[in-house]
Amino acid sequence: MIVLKNISKIFHTGKESLTAVDDVSLSIARGQIYGIIGYSGAGKSTLIRLLNGLEKPTAGSVVIADHDISAAKGEALRRARLKISMVFQHFNLLWSRTVSENIAFSMQIAGVPKADIKKRVAELVELVGLKGRENAYPSRLSGGQKQRVGIARALANNPDVLLCDEATSALDPQTTDQILDLLKDINKRFNLTIVLITHEMHVVRKICDRVAVMENGKVVEEGDVLQVFTHPQKEITRQFVRQISQHDDDDAFQPELADNLRGTIIKLTFVGHSTHQPVVGELTLRYGVPFNILHGRMTQTAQGVFGQLWLHVDASEEQLDNILNDLRQHDIQSEVIKRG
């Protein structure tokens, strides 16, 4: 559906140059919700402008639904853009137009007949939950309602791809979840490909199928959300994963709290069906040694749930080797944090 091949974007300012996107290659399947996450300056906003043709790459190609966006010009680019819609962080609504008029705007530009526009606007108002607010102006809407108008407007011309540039970062947590639920529903209902640019791992966790992590213009890590959450390879990815704890490091396991414990501390990671196994009870019965639960948490992602559990056990080396092997047999990932 979307293929980025060796994309680079270099901005030249006088004698200096800035590489905003550096040799990025990605493949996004039709119907996926794909997250691109990074801190400010990582290059993600430039990347999304390359996707909709607002910027041309210095090198590489951008192909969306068999259209080479990076090479298209004039009328060909305009037609291609009709199938690539955008939802913005600060809504970008026309303040002198009502909800219905804002939604109708892109269809009017495209020359859609008035009767069809009226019908489509009514469908979209219902879809995004704004029934009864059709004649309200943006100044009378909440942030969440404004973003619902933005989403409806983006869907007006039946796009193949919906690009969301920090679409929830201006909203409170509860409204953010409501907007994410709406995007997830739209994705399932229309098999719409959604690309989310964000700096919030909560957004990725809640609705994305795959995620790419950007740093200094490069994609440093990419994969299924569940895989990235359970096996973050880069430090920046681990920082984003830690965002999921609302209290950051305050909610994380602190190994120094177990300094006085004699024995071994093991971190277990459960994915999918293994989260429901009575692991601690089975290990205690099988090996005849007590296991002390030090810390644990479970996290829900769009791809399923994963859990983490920190255990303390005072076992011999032979017992420990057998325990770790037993865990592997049950598809439970284990890591020895401290050996006693």
C-alpha atoms as a PDB file:
ATOM      1  CA  MET A   1       0.000   0.000   0.000  1.00  0.00           C
ATOM      2  CA  ILE A   2       2.712   2.478   1.086  1.00  0.00           C
ATOM      3  CA  VAL A   3       6.340   1.864   0.188  1.00  0.00           C
ATOM      4  CA  LEU A   4       9.133   4.246   1.129  1.00  0.00           C
ATOM      5  CA  LYS A   5      12.451   3.289  -0.442  1.00  0.00           C
ATOM      6  CA  ASN A   6      15.694   4.917   0.702  1.00  0.00           C
ATOM      7  CA  ILE A   7      14.014   8.257   1.360  1.00  0.00           C
ATOM      8  CA  SER A   8      16.212  11.209   2.310  1.00  0.00           C
ATOM      9  CA  LYS A   9      15.312  14.874   2.672  1.00  0.00           C
ATOM     10  CA  ILE A  10      18.023  17.513   2.991  1.00  0.00           C
ATOM     11  CA  PHE A  11      17.216  21.170   3.585  1.00  0.00           C
ATOM     12  CA  HIS A  12      19.797  23.700   2.437  1.00  0.00           C
ATOM     13  CA  THR A  13      20.020  27.055   4.225  1.00  0.00           C
ATOM     14  CA  GLY A  14      22.830  29.126   2.786  1.00  0.00           C
ATOM     15  CA  LYS A  15      26.088  27.250   3.256  1.00  0.00           C
ATOM     16  CA  GLU A  16      24.605  24.832   5.789  1.00  0.00           C
ATOM     17  CA  SER A  17      22.473  21.761   5.214  1.00  0.00           C
ATOM     18  CA  LEU A  18      20.152  19.785   7.492  1.00  0.00           C
ATOM     19  CA  THR A  19      19.299  16.130   6.901  1.00  0.00           C
ATOM     20  CA  ALA A  20      15.744  15.854   8.244  1.00  0.00           C
ATOM     21  CA  VAL A  21      15.091  12.337   6.912  1.00  0.00           C
ATOM     22  CA  ASP A  22      18.029  10.012   6.408  1.00  0.00           C
ATOM     23  CA  ASP A  23      17.738   6.935   4.166  1.00  0.00           C
ATOM     24  CA  VAL A  24      14.392   5.666   5.467  1.00  0.00           C
ATOM     25  CA  SER A  25      12.746   2.571   3.996  1.00  0.00           C
ATOM     26  CA  LEU A  26       9.317   1.412   5.215  1.00  0.00           C
ATOM     27  CA  SER A  27       6.482  -0.771   3.972  1.00  0.00           C
ATOM     28  CA  ILE A  28       2.940  -0.245   5.281  1.00  0.00           C
ATOM     29  CA  ALA A  29       0.229  -2.762   4.377  1.00  0.00           C
ATOM     30  CA  ARG A  30      -3.299  -1.801   3.359  1.00  0.00           C
ATOM     31  CA  GLY A  31      -5.614  -1.518   6.352  1.00  0.00           C
ATOM     32  CA  GLN A  32      -2.822  -1.180   8.917  1.00  0.00           C
ATOM     33  CA  ILE A  33      -2.644   1.441  11.628  1.00  0.00           C
ATOM     34  CA  TYR A  34       1.019   2.353  11.528  1.00  0.00           C
ATOM     35  CA  GLY A  35       2.703   4.521  14.162  1.00  0.00           C
ATOM     36  CA  ILE A  36       5.782   6.668  13.608  1.00  0.00           C
ATOM     37  CA  ILE A  37       7.117   7.858  16.946  1.00  0.00           C
ATOM     38  CA  GLY A  38       9.948  10.174  17.864  1.00  0.00           C
ATOM     39  CA  TYR A  39      10.800  13.242  19.870  1.00  0.00           C
ATOM     40  CA  SER A  40      10.792  16.765  18.422  1.00  0.00           C
ATOM     41  CA  GLY A  41      13.386  17.081  15.677  1.00  0.00           C
ATOM     42  CA  ALA A  42      13.423  13.344  14.904  1.00  0.00           C
ATOM     43  CA  GLY A  43      12.182  13.943  11.339  1.00  0.00           C
ATOM     44  CA  LYS A  44       8.698  12.456  11.648  1.00  0.00           C
ATOM     45  CA  SER A  45       6.796  15.588  10.563  1.00  0.00           C
ATOM     46  CA  THR A  46       9.009  15.957   7.498  1.00  0.00           C
ATOM     47  CA  LEU A  47       8.375  12.305   6.726  1.00  0.00           C
ATOM     48  CA  ILE A  48       4.602  12.784   6.760  1.00  0.00           C
ATOM     49  CA  ARG A  49       4.959  15.774   4.390  1.00  0.00           C
ATOM     50  CA  LEU A  50       6.848  13.472   2.034  1.00  0.00           C
ATOM     51  CA  LEU A  51       3.950  11.023   2.190  1.00  0.00           C
ATOM     52  CA  ASN A  52       1.393  13.564   0.973  1.00  0.00           C
ATOM     53  CA  GLY A  53       3.656  15.235  -1.546  1.00  0.00           C
ATOM     54  CA  LEU A  54       3.995  18.555   0.276  1.00  0.00           C
ATOM     55  CA  GLU A  55       7.743  17.927   0.209  1.00  0.00           C
ATOM     56  CA  LYS A  56       9.788  16.202  -2.467  1.00  0.00           C
ATOM     57  CA  PRO A  57      12.532  13.823  -1.336  1.00  0.00           C
ATOM     58  CA  THR A  58      16.150  14.645  -2.056  1.00  0.00           C
ATOM     59  CA  ALA A  59      16.622  10.948  -2.788  1.00  0.00           C
ATOM     60  CA  GLY A  60      14.451   7.834  -2.857  1.00  0.00           C
ATOM     61  CA  SER A  61      10.811   7.204  -3.752  1.00  0.00           C
ATOM     62  CA  VAL A  62       7.380   7.325  -2.089  1.00  0.00           C
ATOM     63  CA  VAL A  63       4.757   5.014  -3.621  1.00  0.00           C
ATOM     64  CA  ILE A  64       1.180   4.994  -2.317  1.00  0.00           C
ATOM     65  CA  ALA A  65      -1.447   2.724  -3.902  1.00  0.00           C
ATOM     66  CA  ASP A  66       0.792   2.307  -6.964  1.00  0.00           C
ATOM     67  CA  HIS A  67       1.166   6.097  -7.387  1.00  0.00           C
ATOM     68  CA  ASP A  68       4.705   7.465  -7.212  1.00  0.00           C
ATOM     69  CA  ILE A  69       4.005  10.520  -5.060  1.00  0.00           C
ATOM     70  CA  SER A  70       7.637  11.584  -5.105  1.00  0.00           C
ATOM     71  CA  ALA A  71       7.639  11.889  -8.904  1.00  0.00           C
ATOM     72  CA  ALA A  72       4.065  13.131  -9.517  1.00  0.00           C
ATOM     73  CA  LYS A  73       3.496  16.736 -10.561  1.00  0.00           C
ATOM     74  CA  GLY A  74       0.625  19.024 -11.447  1.00  0.00           C
ATOM     75  CA  GLU A  75      -2.717  17.350 -12.114  1.00  0.00           C
ATOM     76  CA  ALA A  76      -1.351  13.859 -11.420  1.00  0.00           C
ATOM     77  CA  LEU A  77      -0.215  14.937  -7.953  1.00  0.00           C
ATOM     78  CA  ARG A  78      -3.533  16.679  -7.266  1.00  0.00           C
ATOM     79  CA  ARG A  79      -5.489  13.520  -8.144  1.00  0.00           C
ATOM     80  CA  ALA A  80      -3.210  11.362  -6.002  1.00  0.00           C
ATOM     81  CA  ARG A  81      -3.635  13.718  -3.044  1.00  0.00           C
ATOM     82  CA  LEU A  82      -7.420  13.318  -3.171  1.00  0.00           C
ATOM     83  CA  LYS A  83      -6.875   9.811  -1.802  1.00  0.00           C
ATOM     84  CA  ILE A  84      -4.451  10.947   0.929  1.00  0.00           C
ATOM     85  CA  SER A  85      -6.126  12.921   3.703  1.00  0.00           C
ATOM     86  CA  MET A  86      -4.682  14.650   6.745  1.00  0.00           C
ATOM     87  CA  VAL A  87      -5.763  15.224  10.341  1.00  0.00           C
ATOM     88  CA  PHE A  88      -3.846  17.980  12.120  1.00  0.00           C
ATOM     89  CA  GLN A  89      -2.777  18.629  15.707  1.00  0.00           C
ATOM     90  CA  HIS A  90      -4.541  21.993  15.925  1.00  0.00           C
ATOM     91  CA  PHE A  91      -7.577  21.012  13.834  1.00  0.00           C
ATOM     92  CA  ASN A  92      -7.080  23.639  11.041  1.00  0.00           C
ATOM     93  CA  LEU A  93     -10.807  24.359  10.834  1.00  0.00           C
ATOM     94  CA  LEU A  94     -12.309  27.350   9.035  1.00  0.00           C
ATOM     95  CA  TRP A  95     -13.670  29.439  11.894  1.00  0.00           C
ATOM     96  CA  SER A  96     -16.250  31.238   9.735  1.00  0.00           C
ATOM     97  CA  ARG A  97     -17.844  27.922   8.679  1.00  0.00           C
ATOM     98  CA  THR A  98     -20.143  25.610  10.613  1.00  0.00           C
ATOM     99  CA  VAL A  99     -19.433  21.952  11.299  1.00  0.00           C
ATOM    100  CA  SER A 100     -21.303  20.908   8.138  1.00  0.00           C
ATOM    101  CA  GLU A 101     -19.635  23.587   6.042  1.00  0.00           C
ATOM    102  CA  ASN A 102     -16.163  22.579   7.252  1.00  0.00           C
ATOM    103  CA  ILE A 103     -16.834  18.942   6.359  1.00  0.00           C
ATOM    104  CA  ALA A 104     -18.204  19.933   2.946  1.00  0.00           C
ATOM    105  CA  PHE A 105     -15.259  22.182   2.053  1.00  0.00           C
ATOM    106  CA  SER A 106     -12.948  19.605   0.442  1.00  0.00           C
ATOM    107  CA  MET A 107     -15.845  18.116  -1.561  1.00  0.00           C
ATOM    108  CA  GLN A 108     -16.765  21.561  -2.862  1.00  0.00           C
ATOM    109  CA  ILE A 109     -13.183  22.080  -4.030  1.00  0.00           C
ATOM    110  CA  ALA A 110     -13.283  18.664  -5.748  1.00  0.00           C
ATOM    111  CA  GLY A 111     -16.484  19.648  -7.599  1.00  0.00           C
ATOM    112  CA  VAL A 112     -18.807  17.102  -5.990  1.00  0.00           C
ATOM    113  CA  PRO A 113     -22.519  17.783  -6.762  1.00  0.00           C
ATOM    114  CA  LYS A 114     -24.429  19.591  -3.983  1.00  0.00           C
ATOM    115  CA  ALA A 115     -26.884  16.736  -3.416  1.00  0.00           C
ATOM    116  CA  ASP A 116     -24.017  14.275  -2.938  1.00  0.00           C
ATOM    117  CA  ILE A 117     -22.238  16.677  -0.589  1.00  0.00           C
ATOM    118  CA  LYS A 118     -25.333  17.041   1.582  1.00  0.00           C
ATOM    119  CA  LYS A 119     -25.764  13.274   1.820  1.00  0.00           C
ATOM    120  CA  ARG A 120     -22.088  12.657   2.556  1.00  0.00           C
ATOM    121  CA  VAL A 121     -21.951  15.362   5.241  1.00  0.00           C
ATOM    122  CA  ALA A 122     -24.940  13.807   7.021  1.00  0.00           C
ATOM    123  CA  GLU A 123     -23.232  10.382   6.953  1.00  0.00           C
ATOM    124  CA  LEU A 124     -19.981  11.771   8.357  1.00  0.00           C
ATOM    125  CA  VAL A 125     -21.673  13.820  11.092  1.00  0.00           C
ATOM    126  CA  GLU A 126     -23.334  10.605  12.268  1.00  0.00           C
ATOM    127  CA  LEU A 127     -20.107   8.616  11.949  1.00  0.00           C
ATOM    128  CA  VAL A 128     -17.995  10.927  14.130  1.00  0.00           C
ATOM    129  CA  GLY A 129     -20.704  11.476  16.762  1.00  0.00           C
ATOM    130  CA  LEU A 130     -21.617  15.104  16.068  1.00  0.00           C
ATOM    131  CA  LYS A 131     -25.342  14.674  15.450  1.00  0.00           C
ATOM    132  CA  GLY A 132     -27.091  17.857  16.598  1.00  0.00           C
ATOM    133  CA  ARG A 133     -23.952  19.989  16.236  1.00  0.00           C
ATOM    134  CA  GLU A 134     -24.098  20.410  12.447  1.00  0.00           C
ATOM    135  CA  ASN A 135     -24.730  24.155  12.577  1.00  0.00           C
ATOM    136  CA  ALA A 136     -22.295  24.979  15.391  1.00  0.00           C
ATOM    137  CA  TYR A 137     -19.211  27.067  14.706  1.00  0.00           C
ATOM    138  CA  PRO A 138     -15.746  25.879  15.853  1.00  0.00           C
ATOM    139  CA  SER A 139     -15.659  28.494  18.632  1.00  0.00           C
ATOM    140  CA  ARG A 140     -18.579  26.653  20.278  1.00  0.00           C
ATOM    141  CA  LEU A 141     -16.926  23.224  20.143  1.00  0.00           C
ATOM    142  CA  SER A 142     -14.652  21.417  22.591  1.00  0.00           C
ATOM    143  CA  GLY A 143     -11.206  20.240  21.513  1.00  0.00           C
ATOM    144  CA  GLY A 144     -12.461  16.705  20.991  1.00  0.00           C
ATOM    145  CA  GLN A 145     -15.407  17.905  18.916  1.00  0.00           C
ATOM    146  CA  LYS A 146     -13.111  20.044  16.755  1.00  0.00           C
ATOM    147  CA  GLN A 147     -10.933  17.017  16.076  1.00  0.00           C
ATOM    148  CA  ARG A 148     -14.018  14.982  15.172  1.00  0.00           C
ATOM    149  CA  VAL A 149     -14.830  17.656  12.573  1.00  0.00           C
ATOM    150  CA  GLY A 150     -11.256  17.401  11.320  1.00  0.00           C
ATOM    151  CA  ILE A 151     -11.562  13.627  10.982  1.00  0.00           C
ATOM    152  CA  ALA A 152     -14.928  13.887   9.204  1.00  0.00           C
ATOM    153  CA  ARG A 153     -13.498  16.458   6.802  1.00  0.00           C
ATOM    154  CA  ALA A 154     -10.520  14.198   6.089  1.00  0.00           C
ATOM    155  CA  LEU A 155     -12.870  11.302   5.272  1.00  0.00           C
ATOM    156  CA  ALA A 156     -15.119  13.348   2.970  1.00  0.00           C
ATOM    157  CA  ASN A 157     -13.537  12.247  -0.321  1.00  0.00           C
ATOM    158  CA  ASN A 158     -13.231   8.548   0.679  1.00  0.00           C
ATOM    159  CA  PRO A 159      -9.430   8.489   0.981  1.00  0.00           C
ATOM    160  CA  ASP A 160      -7.279   5.374   0.860  1.00  0.00           C
ATOM    161  CA  VAL A 161      -4.826   6.765   3.427  1.00  0.00           C
ATOM    162  CA  LEU A 162      -5.383   8.912   6.509  1.00  0.00           C
ATOM    163  CA  LEU A 163      -2.336  10.747   7.855  1.00  0.00           C
ATOM    164  CA  CYS A 164      -2.559  11.951  11.462  1.00  0.00           C
ATOM    165  CA  ASP A 165       0.068  14.480  12.518  1.00  0.00           C
ATOM    166  CA  GLU A 166       0.073  14.568  16.347  1.00  0.00           C
ATOM    167  CA  ALA A 167      -3.733  14.436  16.101  1.00  0.00           C
ATOM    168  CA  THR A 168      -4.263  13.898  19.850  1.00  0.00           C
ATOM    169  CA  SER A 169      -1.403  15.834  21.464  1.00  0.00           C
ATOM    170  CA  ALA A 170      -3.579  18.935  22.034  1.00  0.00           C
ATOM    171  CA  LEU A 171      -6.265  16.902  23.838  1.00  0.00           C
ATOM    172  CA  ASP A 172      -6.720  15.739  27.422  1.00  0.00           C
ATOM    173  CA  PRO A 173      -6.197  12.007  28.181  1.00  0.00           C
ATOM    174  CA  GLN A 174      -9.885  11.060  28.218  1.00  0.00           C
ATOM    175  CA  THR A 175     -10.610  12.865  24.947  1.00  0.00           C
ATOM    176  CA  THR A 176      -7.462  11.354  23.438  1.00  0.00           C
ATOM    177  CA  ASP A 177      -8.794   7.861  24.159  1.00  0.00           C
ATOM    178  CA  GLN A 178     -12.154   8.748  22.597  1.00  0.00           C
ATOM    179  CA  ILE A 179     -10.497  10.023  19.411  1.00  0.00           C
ATOM    180  CA  LEU A 180      -8.268   6.931  19.237  1.00  0.00           C
ATOM    181  CA  ASP A 181     -11.333   4.698  19.623  1.00  0.00           C
ATOM    182  CA  LEU A 182     -12.968   6.602  16.766  1.00  0.00           C
ATOM    183  CA  LEU A 183      -9.919   6.163  14.526  1.00  0.00           C
ATOM    184  CA  LYS A 184      -9.788   2.449  15.355  1.00  0.00           C
ATOM    185  CA  ASP A 185     -13.479   2.073  14.491  1.00  0.00           C
ATOM    186  CA  ILE A 186     -12.993   3.914  11.184  1.00  0.00           C
ATOM    187  CA  ASN A 187     -10.008   1.704  10.355  1.00  0.00           C
ATOM    188  CA  LYS A 188     -12.009  -1.489  10.921  1.00  0.00           C
ATOM    189  CA  ARG A 189     -15.153  -0.228   9.230  1.00  0.00           C
ATOM    190  CA  PHE A 190     -13.516   0.986   6.004  1.00  0.00           C
ATOM    191  CA  ASN A 191     -10.208  -0.944   6.005  1.00  0.00           C
ATOM    192  CA  LEU A 192      -8.576   2.483   5.893  1.00  0.00           C
ATOM    193  CA  THR A 193      -4.799   2.681   6.130  1.00  0.00           C
ATOM    194  CA  ILE A 194      -3.854   5.098   8.929  1.00  0.00           C
ATOM    195  CA  VAL A 195      -0.384   6.528   9.553  1.00  0.00           C
ATOM    196  CA  LEU A 196       0.011   8.184  12.966  1.00  0.00           C
ATOM    197  CA  ILE A 197       2.831  10.604  13.756  1.00  0.00           C
ATOM    198  CA  THR A 198       3.201  10.956  17.517  1.00  0.00           C
ATOM    199  CA  HIS A 199       5.555  11.385  20.456  1.00  0.00           C
ATOM    200  CA  GLU A 200       3.191   9.495  22.794  1.00  0.00           C
ATOM    201  CA  MET A 201       3.684   5.760  23.240  1.00  0.00           C
ATOM    202  CA  HIS A 202       0.176   5.499  24.702  1.00  0.00           C
ATOM    203  CA  VAL A 203      -1.196   6.306  21.236  1.00  0.00           C
ATOM    204  CA  VAL A 204       0.916   3.576  19.652  1.00  0.00           C
ATOM    205  CA  ARG A 205       0.017   1.056  22.352  1.00  0.00           C
ATOM    206  CA  LYS A 206      -3.706   1.640  22.070  1.00  0.00           C
ATOM    207  CA  ILE A 207      -4.364   1.344  18.340  1.00  0.00           C
ATOM    208  CA  CYS A 208      -1.264   0.690  16.214  1.00  0.00           C
ATOM    209  CA  ASP A 209      -0.377  -2.598  14.504  1.00  0.00           C
ATOM    210  CA  ARG A 210       3.232  -1.681  13.751  1.00  0.00           C
ATOM    211  CA  VAL A 211       5.548   1.118  14.836  1.00  0.00           C
ATOM    212  CA  ALA A 212       8.706   2.793  13.576  1.00  0.00           C
ATOM    213  CA  VAL A 213      10.917   4.687  16.035  1.00  0.00           C
ATOM    214  CA  MET A 214      12.746   7.699  14.599  1.00  0.00           C
ATOM    215  CA  GLU A 215      15.815   9.475  15.924  1.00  0.00           C
ATOM    216  CA  ASN A 216      17.936  12.073  14.116  1.00  0.00           C
ATOM    217  CA  GLY A 217      16.142  11.450  10.826  1.00  0.00           C
ATOM    218  CA  LYS A 218      16.651   7.683  10.885  1.00  0.00           C
ATOM    219  CA  VAL A 219      14.329   4.792  11.685  1.00  0.00           C
ATOM    220  CA  VAL A 220      16.279   3.096  14.466  1.00  0.00           C
ATOM    221  CA  GLU A 221      13.727   0.383  15.276  1.00  0.00           C
ATOM    222  CA  GLU A 222      10.638  -1.014  13.544  1.00  0.00           C
ATOM    223  CA  GLY A 223       8.267  -3.911  14.019  1.00  0.00           C
ATOM    224  CA  ASP A 224       4.990  -5.232  15.411  1.00  0.00           C
ATOM    225  CA  VAL A 225       3.902  -3.191  18.423  1.00  0.00           C
ATOM    226  CA  LEU A 226       3.842  -6.184  20.758  1.00  0.00           C
ATOM    227  CA  GLN A 227       7.357  -7.208  19.692  1.00  0.00           C
ATOM    228  CA  VAL A 228       8.719  -3.687  20.145  1.00  0.00           C
ATOM    229  CA  PHE A 229       7.087  -3.361  23.575  1.00  0.00           C
ATOM    230  CA  THR A 230       8.408  -6.663  24.864  1.00  0.00           C
ATOM    231  CA  HIS A 231      11.860  -6.500  23.212  1.00  0.00           C
ATOM    232  CA  PRO A 232      12.877  -2.845  22.763  1.00  0.00           C
ATOM    233  CA  GLN A 233      16.342  -2.848  21.227  1.00  0.00           C
ATOM    234  CA  LYS A 234      17.356   0.809  21.418  1.00  0.00           C
ATOM    235  CA  GLU A 235      17.535   3.086  24.441  1.00  0.00           C
ATOM    236  CA  ILE A 236      15.184   5.623  22.853  1.00  0.00           C
ATOM    237  CA  THR A 237      12.611   2.846  22.356  1.00  0.00           C
ATOM    238  CA  ARG A 238      12.970   1.798  25.981  1.00  0.00           C
ATOM    239  CA  GLN A 239      12.333   5.431  26.973  1.00  0.00           C
ATOM    240  CA  PHE A 240       9.102   5.447  24.982  1.00  0.00           C
ATOM    241  CA  VAL A 241       8.008   2.088  26.418  1.00  0.00           C
ATOM    242  CA  ARG A 242       8.541   3.493  29.922  1.00  0.00           C
ATOM    243  CA  GLN A 243       6.031   6.245  29.070  1.00  0.00           C
ATOM    244  CA  ILE A 244       3.252   3.702  29.486  1.00  0.00           C
ATOM    245  CA  SER A 245       3.701   3.801  33.239  1.00  0.00           C
ATOM    246  CA  GLN A 246       1.774   6.900  34.306  1.00  0.00           C
ATOM    247  CA  HIS A 247       4.257   7.418  37.105  1.00  0.00           C
ATOM    248  CA  ASP A 248       7.273   6.738  34.868  1.00  0.00           C
ATOM    249  CA  ASP A 249      10.107   5.198  36.860  1.00  0.00           C
ATOM    250  CA  ASP A 250       8.124   5.424  40.122  1.00  0.00           C
ATOM    251  CA  ASP A 251       6.062   2.460  38.902  1.00  0.00           C
ATOM    252  CA  ALA A 252       9.001   0.449  37.609  1.00  0.00           C
ATOM    253  CA  PHE A 253      10.757  -2.321  39.496  1.00  0.00           C
ATOM    254  CA  GLN A 254      13.718  -0.996  41.481  1.00  0.00           C
ATOM    255  CA  PRO A 255      16.400  -3.740  41.805  1.00  0.00           C
ATOM    256  CA  GLU A 256      18.139  -1.937  44.687  1.00  0.00           C
ATOM    257  CA  LEU A 257      15.079  -2.574  46.860  1.00  0.00           C
ATOM    258  CA  ALA A 258      15.986  -6.271  46.773  1.00  0.00           C
ATOM    259  CA  ASP A 259      19.674  -5.844  47.612  1.00  0.00           C
ATOM    260  CA  ASN A 260      19.285  -7.597  50.942  1.00  0.00           C
ATOM    261  CA  LEU A 261      17.562 -10.641  49.445  1.00  0.00           C
ATOM    262  CA  ARG A 262      19.686 -13.738  49.068  1.00  0.00           C
ATOM    263  CA  GLY A 263      19.052 -15.589  45.840  1.00  0.00           C
ATOM    264  CA  THR A 264      18.124 -14.798  42.252  1.00  0.00           C
ATOM    265  CA  ILE A 265      15.786 -12.209  40.755  1.00  0.00           C
ATOM    266  CA  ILE A 266      14.140 -13.227  37.470  1.00  0.00           C
ATOM    267  CA  LYS A 267      12.107 -11.005  35.187  1.00  0.00           C
ATOM    268  CA  LEU A 268       9.397 -12.849  33.256  1.00  0.00           C
ATOM    269  CA  THR A 269       7.632 -11.505  30.178  1.00  0.00           C
ATOM    270  CA  PHE A 270       4.318 -13.074  29.152  1.00  0.00           C
ATOM    271  CA  VAL A 271       2.723 -12.580  25.746  1.00  0.00           C
ATOM    272  CA  GLY A 272      -0.711 -13.739  24.588  1.00  0.00           C
ATOM    273  CA  HIS A 273      -2.003 -16.973  26.093  1.00  0.00           C
ATOM    274  CA  SER A 274       0.952 -17.294  28.470  1.00  0.00           C
ATOM    275  CA  THR A 275      -0.379 -14.337  30.509  1.00  0.00           C
ATOM    276  CA  HIS A 276      -3.096 -16.639  31.871  1.00  0.00           C
ATOM    277  CA  GLN A 277      -0.813 -19.449  33.052  1.00  0.00           C
ATOM    278  CA  PRO A 278      -0.480 -20.024  36.840  1.00  0.00           C
ATOM    279  CA  VAL A 279       3.301 -19.890  36.535  1.00  0.00           C
ATOM    280  CA  VAL A 280       4.308 -19.154  40.119  1.00  0.00           C
ATOM    281  CA  GLY A 281       2.142 -21.884  41.573  1.00  0.00           C
ATOM    282  CA  GLU A 282       3.364 -24.481  39.077  1.00  0.00           C
ATOM    283  CA  LEU A 283       7.031 -23.610  39.634  1.00  0.00           C
ATOM    284  CA  THR A 284       6.647 -23.813  43.409  1.00  0.00           C
ATOM    285  CA  LEU A 285       5.015 -27.251  43.215  1.00  0.00           C
ATOM    286  CA  ARG A 286       7.477 -28.594  40.652  1.00  0.00           C
ATOM    287  CA  TYR A 287      10.729 -27.487  42.321  1.00  0.00           C
ATOM    288  CA  GLY A 288       9.726 -27.345  45.971  1.00  0.00           C
ATOM    289  CA  VAL A 289      11.156 -23.856  46.465  1.00  0.00           C
ATOM    290  CA  PRO A 290       9.186 -20.714  47.381  1.00  0.00           C
ATOM    291  CA  PHE A 291       8.930 -17.882  44.833  1.00  0.00           C
ATOM    292  CA  ASN A 292       8.486 -14.349  46.096  1.00  0.00           C
ATOM    293  CA  ILE A 293       6.637 -11.934  43.789  1.00  0.00           C
ATOM    294  CA  LEU A 294       8.483  -8.591  43.919  1.00  0.00           C
ATOM    295  CA  HIS A 295       6.672  -6.623  41.240  1.00  0.00           C
ATOM    296  CA  GLY A 296       4.307  -7.124  38.338  1.00  0.00           C
ATOM    297  CA  ARG A 297       2.217  -5.324  35.725  1.00  0.00           C
ATOM    298  CA  MET A 298       0.167  -6.018  32.608  1.00  0.00           C
ATOM    299  CA  THR A 299      -0.145  -3.802  29.527  1.00  0.00           C
ATOM    300  CA  GLN A 300      -2.811  -3.897  26.815  1.00  0.00           C
ATOM    301  CA  THR A 301      -1.848  -3.197  23.195  1.00  0.00           C
ATOM    302  CA  ALA A 302      -3.870  -3.299  19.987  1.00  0.00           C
ATOM    303  CA  GLN A 303      -2.256  -6.671  19.259  1.00  0.00           C
ATOM    304  CA  GLY A 304      -2.961  -8.188  22.654  1.00  0.00           C
ATOM    305  CA  VAL A 305      -1.826  -8.119  26.255  1.00  0.00           C
ATOM    306  CA  PHE A 306       1.623  -8.674  27.674  1.00  0.00           C
ATOM    307  CA  GLY A 307       2.661  -8.957  31.297  1.00  0.00           C
ATOM    308  CA  GLN A 308       5.880  -8.590  33.262  1.00  0.00           C
ATOM    309  CA  LEU A 309       6.633 -10.238  36.589  1.00  0.00           C
ATOM    310  CA  TRP A 310       9.704  -9.964  38.806  1.00  0.00           C
ATOM    311  CA  LEU A 311      10.307 -13.032  41.002  1.00  0.00           C
ATOM    312  CA  HIS A 312      12.802 -13.775  43.748  1.00  0.00           C
ATOM    313  CA  VAL A 313      13.880 -17.356  44.370  1.00  0.00           C
ATOM    314  CA  ASP A 314      16.630 -18.901  46.479  1.00  0.00           C
ATOM    315  CA  ALA A 315      17.576 -21.888  44.316  1.00  0.00           C
ATOM    316  CA  SER A 316      20.691 -23.851  43.458  1.00  0.00           C
ATOM    317  CA  GLU A 317      22.415 -23.319  40.102  1.00  0.00           C
ATOM    318  CA  GLU A 318      21.017 -26.617  38.827  1.00  0.00           C
ATOM    319  CA  GLN A 319      17.502 -25.729  39.955  1.00  0.00           C
ATOM    320  CA  LEU A 320      17.808 -22.270  38.389  1.00  0.00           C
ATOM    321  CA  ASP A 321      18.912 -23.716  35.044  1.00  0.00           C
ATOM    322  CA  ASN A 322      15.969 -26.126  35.107  1.00  0.00           C
ATOM    323  CA  ILE A 323      13.551 -23.307  36.018  1.00  0.00           C
ATOM    324  CA  LEU A 324      14.751 -21.102  33.143  1.00  0.00           C
ATOM    325  CA  ASN A 325      14.532 -24.016  30.717  1.00  0.00           C
ATOM    326  CA  ASP A 326      11.033 -24.824  31.999  1.00  0.00           C
ATOM    327  CA  LEU A 327       9.937 -21.234  31.357  1.00  0.00           C
ATOM    328  CA  ARG A 328      11.256 -21.381  27.779  1.00  0.00           C
ATOM    329  CA  GLN A 329       9.273 -24.569  27.214  1.00  0.00           C
ATOM    330  CA  HIS A 330       6.115 -22.630  28.139  1.00  0.00           C
ATOM    331  CA  ASP A 331       6.928 -19.692  25.779  1.00  0.00           C
ATOM    332  CA  ILE A 332       7.659 -17.396  28.710  1.00  0.00           C
ATOM    333  CA  GLN A 333      10.630 -15.112  28.209  1.00  0.00           C
ATOM    334  CA  SER A 334      12.933 -14.846  31.196  1.00  0.00           C
ATOM    335  CA  GLU A 335      15.856 -12.645  32.137  1.00  0.00           C
ATOM    336  CA  VAL A 336      18.069 -13.029  35.216  1.00  0.00           C
ATOM    337  CA  ILE A 337      18.277  -9.560  36.764  1.00  0.00           C
ATOM    338  CA  LYS A 338      20.440 -10.550  39.714  1.00  0.00           C
ATOM    339  CA  ARG A 339      22.158 -13.762  40.764  1.00  0.00           C
ATOM    340  CA  GLY A 340      22.548 -14.462  44.465  1.00  0.00           C
END
